[in-house]
Amino acid sequence: MTSIITSIKDLITSVFEVIFSVFKSAIDTVSSLLYAVFDFFAGIPIMIGHMVKGSLEAAGGVGSFVAGNIVIISLVVLGSFGYMAYVRGDKRPASTASKKLR
């Protein structure tokens, strides 16, 4: 008789364990989904931060390149200015200050 009572008790316990495990699995699935959504939106600022950092490092690399070659760049600019002045020559606009107008 006690074995029948023990068996019924084990059956009821197993049914409740199955029901609770189904609910626990559903809750775990929903919480995992919520964590994934939260991590996705939390990752966006991190991604933007990495993108800005990389862009600034690239711009810093270009800036250091320009600063390192400032002498060469200034010589090129001065040479271009001198060439433009040479090509233009002494061509000046005509002066009308000495002419009399009627």
N, C-alpha and C. Protein backbone atom coordinates (compact mmCIF):
# COMPACT_ATOMS: atom_id res chain seq x y z
N MET A 1 0.81 -1.19 0.00
CA MET A 1 0.00 0.00 0.00
C MET A 1 0.86 1.26 0.00
N THR A 2 1.93 1.21 0.74
CA THR A 2 2.79 2.39 0.78
C THR A 2 3.48 2.62 -0.55
N SER A 3 3.71 1.58 -1.29
CA SER A 3 4.36 1.75 -2.59
C SER A 3 3.41 2.45 -3.56
N ILE A 4 2.10 2.21 -3.45
CA ILE A 4 1.13 2.87 -4.30
C ILE A 4 1.08 4.37 -3.96
N ILE A 5 1.09 4.69 -2.68
CA ILE A 5 1.06 6.08 -2.24
C ILE A 5 2.36 6.79 -2.68
N THR A 6 3.45 6.12 -2.57
CA THR A 6 4.73 6.69 -2.99
C THR A 6 4.75 6.91 -4.50
N SER A 7 4.18 5.98 -5.24
CA SER A 7 4.13 6.10 -6.70
C SER A 7 3.25 7.27 -7.11
N ILE A 8 2.10 7.43 -6.48
CA ILE A 8 1.20 8.55 -6.78
C ILE A 8 1.88 9.87 -6.42
N LYS A 9 2.56 9.87 -5.27
CA LYS A 9 3.28 11.08 -4.86
C LYS A 9 4.37 11.42 -5.88
N ASP A 10 5.11 10.43 -6.36
CA ASP A 10 6.15 10.65 -7.37
C ASP A 10 5.54 11.12 -8.70
N LEU A 11 4.37 10.59 -9.06
CA LEU A 11 3.70 10.99 -10.30
C LEU A 11 3.29 12.46 -10.22
N ILE A 12 2.68 12.85 -9.12
CA ILE A 12 2.26 14.25 -8.94
C ILE A 12 3.48 15.16 -8.94
N THR A 13 4.53 14.75 -8.27
CA THR A 13 5.77 15.54 -8.24
C THR A 13 6.34 15.68 -9.65
N SER A 14 6.32 14.64 -10.42
CA SER A 14 6.85 14.68 -11.79
C SER A 14 6.01 15.60 -12.68
N VAL A 15 4.68 15.55 -12.51
CA VAL A 15 3.82 16.42 -13.31
C VAL A 15 4.11 17.88 -12.98
N PHE A 16 4.23 18.21 -11.70
CA PHE A 16 4.54 19.58 -11.32
C PHE A 16 5.94 20.00 -11.81
N GLU A 17 6.89 19.08 -11.77
CA GLU A 17 8.23 19.40 -12.27
C GLU A 17 8.21 19.68 -13.77
N VAL A 18 7.40 18.94 -14.52
CA VAL A 18 7.28 19.18 -15.96
C VAL A 18 6.66 20.55 -16.21
N ILE A 19 5.58 20.86 -15.48
CA ILE A 19 4.91 22.15 -15.65
C ILE A 19 5.87 23.29 -15.30
N PHE A 20 6.56 23.16 -14.18
CA PHE A 20 7.49 24.22 -13.78
C PHE A 20 8.67 24.34 -14.74
N SER A 21 9.13 23.23 -15.28
CA SER A 21 10.24 23.30 -16.22
C SER A 21 9.82 23.98 -17.52
N VAL A 22 8.56 23.76 -17.94
CA VAL A 22 8.06 24.45 -19.13
C VAL A 22 8.01 25.96 -18.88
N PHE A 23 7.46 26.37 -17.72
CA PHE A 23 7.42 27.79 -17.39
C PHE A 23 8.82 28.38 -17.25
N LYS A 24 9.72 27.62 -16.63
CA LYS A 24 11.09 28.10 -16.47
C LYS A 24 11.76 28.27 -17.83
N SER A 25 11.53 27.34 -18.73
CA SER A 25 12.11 27.45 -20.07
C SER A 25 11.56 28.66 -20.81
N ALA A 26 10.25 28.90 -20.69
CA ALA A 26 9.64 30.05 -21.35
C ALA A 26 10.20 31.35 -20.77
N ILE A 27 10.31 31.43 -19.46
CA ILE A 27 10.85 32.63 -18.81
C ILE A 27 12.31 32.84 -19.20
N ASP A 28 13.09 31.77 -19.24
CA ASP A 28 14.49 31.88 -19.66
C ASP A 28 14.61 32.36 -21.10
N THR A 29 13.73 31.87 -21.97
CA THR A 29 13.75 32.29 -23.37
C THR A 29 13.42 33.77 -23.50
N VAL A 30 12.39 34.22 -22.80
CA VAL A 30 12.02 35.64 -22.85
C VAL A 30 13.12 36.51 -22.27
N SER A 31 13.69 36.10 -21.16
CA SER A 31 14.76 36.91 -20.56
C SER A 31 15.99 36.93 -21.45
N SER A 32 16.31 35.83 -22.10
CA SER A 32 17.44 35.82 -23.03
C SER A 32 17.18 36.74 -24.22
N LEU A 33 15.95 36.75 -24.70
CA LEU A 33 15.60 37.65 -25.79
C LEU A 33 15.71 39.11 -25.35
N LEU A 34 15.23 39.41 -24.15
CA LEU A 34 15.33 40.78 -23.64
C LEU A 34 16.79 41.20 -23.45
N TYR A 35 17.63 40.29 -22.95
CA TYR A 35 19.06 40.59 -22.81
C TYR A 35 19.70 40.84 -24.17
N ALA A 36 19.30 40.05 -25.18
CA ALA A 36 19.86 40.23 -26.52
C ALA A 36 19.47 41.59 -27.09
N VAL A 37 18.22 41.99 -26.92
CA VAL A 37 17.77 43.31 -27.40
C VAL A 37 18.51 44.41 -26.66
N PHE A 38 18.63 44.26 -25.33
CA PHE A 38 19.34 45.26 -24.54
C PHE A 38 20.80 45.35 -24.96
N ASP A 39 21.45 44.22 -25.17
CA ASP A 39 22.85 44.23 -25.60
C ASP A 39 23.01 44.85 -26.98
N PHE A 40 22.02 44.63 -27.86
CA PHE A 40 22.08 45.24 -29.19
C PHE A 40 22.06 46.76 -29.08
N PHE A 41 21.10 47.29 -28.32
CA PHE A 41 21.01 48.74 -28.20
C PHE A 41 22.14 49.32 -27.36
N ALA A 42 22.67 48.57 -26.42
CA ALA A 42 23.81 49.04 -25.64
C ALA A 42 25.09 48.99 -26.48
N GLY A 43 25.13 48.14 -27.49
CA GLY A 43 26.30 48.04 -28.34
C GLY A 43 26.41 49.14 -29.37
N ILE A 44 25.30 49.81 -29.67
CA ILE A 44 25.33 50.88 -30.67
C ILE A 44 26.24 52.03 -30.24
N PRO A 45 26.10 52.57 -29.01
CA PRO A 45 27.04 53.64 -28.61
C PRO A 45 28.50 53.17 -28.58
N ILE A 46 28.71 51.93 -28.21
CA ILE A 46 30.08 51.40 -28.18
C ILE A 46 30.64 51.36 -29.61
N MET A 47 29.80 50.92 -30.56
CA MET A 47 30.23 50.87 -31.95
C MET A 47 30.53 52.27 -32.47
N ILE A 48 29.67 53.23 -32.14
CA ILE A 48 29.89 54.61 -32.59
C ILE A 48 31.17 55.16 -31.97
N GLY A 49 31.41 54.85 -30.70
CA GLY A 49 32.64 55.29 -30.05
C GLY A 49 33.88 54.73 -30.73
N HIS A 50 33.85 53.46 -31.09
CA HIS A 50 34.98 52.86 -31.80
C HIS A 50 35.16 53.49 -33.18
N MET A 51 34.04 53.79 -33.85
CA MET A 51 34.13 54.40 -35.17
C MET A 51 34.73 55.80 -35.08
N VAL A 52 34.29 56.59 -34.09
CA VAL A 52 34.83 57.94 -33.91
C VAL A 52 36.31 57.88 -33.54
N LYS A 53 36.65 56.95 -32.66
CA LYS A 53 38.05 56.80 -32.26
C LYS A 53 38.93 56.45 -33.46
N GLY A 54 38.46 55.53 -34.29
CA GLY A 54 39.22 55.16 -35.48
C GLY A 54 39.35 56.31 -36.46
N SER A 55 38.26 57.07 -36.62
CA SER A 55 38.31 58.23 -37.52
C SER A 55 39.29 59.28 -37.01
N LEU A 56 39.27 59.53 -35.70
CA LEU A 56 40.20 60.51 -35.14
C LEU A 56 41.65 60.04 -35.24
N GLU A 57 41.86 58.74 -35.07
CA GLU A 57 43.23 58.23 -35.23
C GLU A 57 43.69 58.38 -36.67
N ALA A 58 42.77 58.13 -37.62
CA ALA A 58 43.13 58.30 -39.03
C ALA A 58 43.41 59.77 -39.34
N ALA A 59 42.56 60.66 -38.83
CA ALA A 59 42.77 62.09 -39.05
C ALA A 59 44.06 62.54 -38.37
N GLY A 60 44.35 61.99 -37.19
CA GLY A 60 45.60 62.32 -36.51
C GLY A 60 46.80 61.86 -37.31
N GLY A 61 46.67 60.72 -37.97
CA GLY A 61 47.75 60.24 -38.82
C GLY A 61 47.99 61.17 -39.99
N VAL A 62 46.90 61.66 -40.60
CA VAL A 62 47.04 62.61 -41.71
C VAL A 62 47.61 63.92 -41.19
N GLY A 63 47.14 64.36 -40.01
CA GLY A 63 47.65 65.60 -39.42
C GLY A 63 49.13 65.51 -39.11
N SER A 64 49.57 64.40 -38.57
CA SER A 64 51.00 64.26 -38.27
C SER A 64 51.81 64.17 -39.56
N PHE A 65 51.22 63.57 -40.59
CA PHE A 65 51.90 63.53 -41.89
C PHE A 65 52.08 64.95 -42.43
N VAL A 66 51.01 65.76 -42.38
CA VAL A 66 51.08 67.13 -42.87
C VAL A 66 52.07 67.94 -42.03
N ALA A 67 52.01 67.79 -40.71
CA ALA A 67 52.92 68.53 -39.84
C ALA A 67 54.37 68.11 -40.09
N GLY A 68 54.59 66.85 -40.35
CA GLY A 68 55.94 66.38 -40.62
C GLY A 68 56.47 66.88 -41.95
N ASN A 69 55.61 67.17 -42.87
CA ASN A 69 56.03 67.61 -44.20
C ASN A 69 55.69 69.07 -44.45
N ILE A 70 55.55 69.87 -43.40
CA ILE A 70 55.14 71.26 -43.55
C ILE A 70 56.15 72.07 -44.34
N VAL A 71 57.42 71.75 -44.23
CA VAL A 71 58.45 72.48 -44.98
C VAL A 71 58.29 72.22 -46.47
N ILE A 72 58.11 70.99 -46.83
CA ILE A 72 57.95 70.64 -48.24
C ILE A 72 56.67 71.25 -48.80
N ILE A 73 55.60 71.19 -48.01
CA ILE A 73 54.33 71.77 -48.46
C ILE A 73 54.45 73.27 -48.62
N SER A 74 55.13 73.95 -47.70
CA SER A 74 55.29 75.41 -47.82
C SER A 74 56.17 75.76 -49.02
N LEU A 75 57.19 74.96 -49.31
CA LEU A 75 58.01 75.21 -50.50
C LEU A 75 57.20 75.05 -51.78
N VAL A 76 56.33 74.06 -51.81
CA VAL A 76 55.48 73.86 -52.99
C VAL A 76 54.53 75.04 -53.16
N VAL A 77 53.95 75.52 -52.05
CA VAL A 77 53.03 76.66 -52.12
C VAL A 77 53.78 77.91 -52.57
N LEU A 78 54.94 78.18 -51.98
CA LEU A 78 55.71 79.35 -52.37
C LEU A 78 56.17 79.25 -53.83
N GLY A 79 56.55 78.08 -54.26
CA GLY A 79 56.94 77.89 -55.65
C GLY A 79 55.77 78.14 -56.60
N SER A 80 54.62 77.65 -56.22
CA SER A 80 53.42 77.88 -57.04
C SER A 80 53.09 79.37 -57.11
N PHE A 81 53.18 80.05 -55.98
CA PHE A 81 52.92 81.49 -55.95
C PHE A 81 53.93 82.24 -56.82
N GLY A 82 55.19 81.87 -56.71
CA GLY A 82 56.22 82.50 -57.52
C GLY A 82 56.02 82.24 -59.01
N TYR A 83 55.64 81.03 -59.36
CA TYR A 83 55.38 80.69 -60.76
C TYR A 83 54.21 81.51 -61.30
N MET A 84 53.15 81.63 -60.49
CA MET A 84 51.98 82.41 -60.91
C MET A 84 52.37 83.87 -61.11
N ALA A 85 53.20 84.41 -60.22
CA ALA A 85 53.64 85.80 -60.36
C ALA A 85 54.52 85.96 -61.60
N TYR A 86 55.37 84.98 -61.91
CA TYR A 86 56.23 85.03 -63.08
C TYR A 86 55.42 84.96 -64.36
N VAL A 87 54.44 84.07 -64.40
CA VAL A 87 53.62 83.91 -65.59
C VAL A 87 52.80 85.16 -65.83
N ARG A 88 52.28 85.74 -64.78
CA ARG A 88 51.48 86.95 -64.91
C ARG A 88 52.33 88.11 -65.40
N GLY A 89 53.58 88.15 -65.02
CA GLY A 89 54.50 89.19 -65.44
C GLY A 89 54.13 90.53 -64.82
N ASP A 90 54.45 91.58 -65.55
CA ASP A 90 54.16 92.92 -65.05
C ASP A 90 52.88 93.48 -65.65
N LYS A 91 52.00 92.66 -66.06
CA LYS A 91 50.74 93.12 -66.63
C LYS A 91 49.90 93.75 -65.54
N ARG A 92 49.71 95.04 -65.71
CA ARG A 92 48.91 95.77 -64.72
C ARG A 92 47.73 96.38 -65.44
N PRO A 93 46.64 96.58 -64.74
CA PRO A 93 45.50 97.20 -65.40
C PRO A 93 45.81 98.66 -65.74
N ALA A 94 45.22 99.12 -66.80
CA ALA A 94 45.45 100.49 -67.26
C ALA A 94 44.91 101.47 -66.23
N SER A 95 45.68 102.53 -66.02
CA SER A 95 45.28 103.54 -65.05
C SER A 95 44.54 104.65 -65.78
N THR A 96 43.39 105.02 -65.33
CA THR A 96 42.61 106.10 -65.96
C THR A 96 42.59 107.35 -65.10
N ALA A 97 43.43 107.40 -64.10
CA ALA A 97 43.42 108.56 -63.20
C ALA A 97 43.97 109.81 -63.90
N SER A 98 44.88 109.67 -64.86
CA SER A 98 45.47 110.84 -65.52
C SER A 98 44.66 111.34 -66.71
N LYS A 99 43.71 110.55 -67.19
CA LYS A 99 42.90 110.94 -68.33
C LYS A 99 41.78 111.88 -67.89
N LYS A 100 41.48 112.82 -68.75
CA LYS A 100 40.38 113.74 -68.46
C LYS A 100 39.12 113.22 -69.15
N LEU A 101 38.07 113.26 -68.42
CA LEU A 101 36.79 112.83 -68.99
C LEU A 101 35.95 114.06 -69.27
N ARG A 102 35.23 114.12 -70.35
CA ARG A 102 34.37 115.26 -70.66
C ARG A 102 33.08 115.20 -69.93
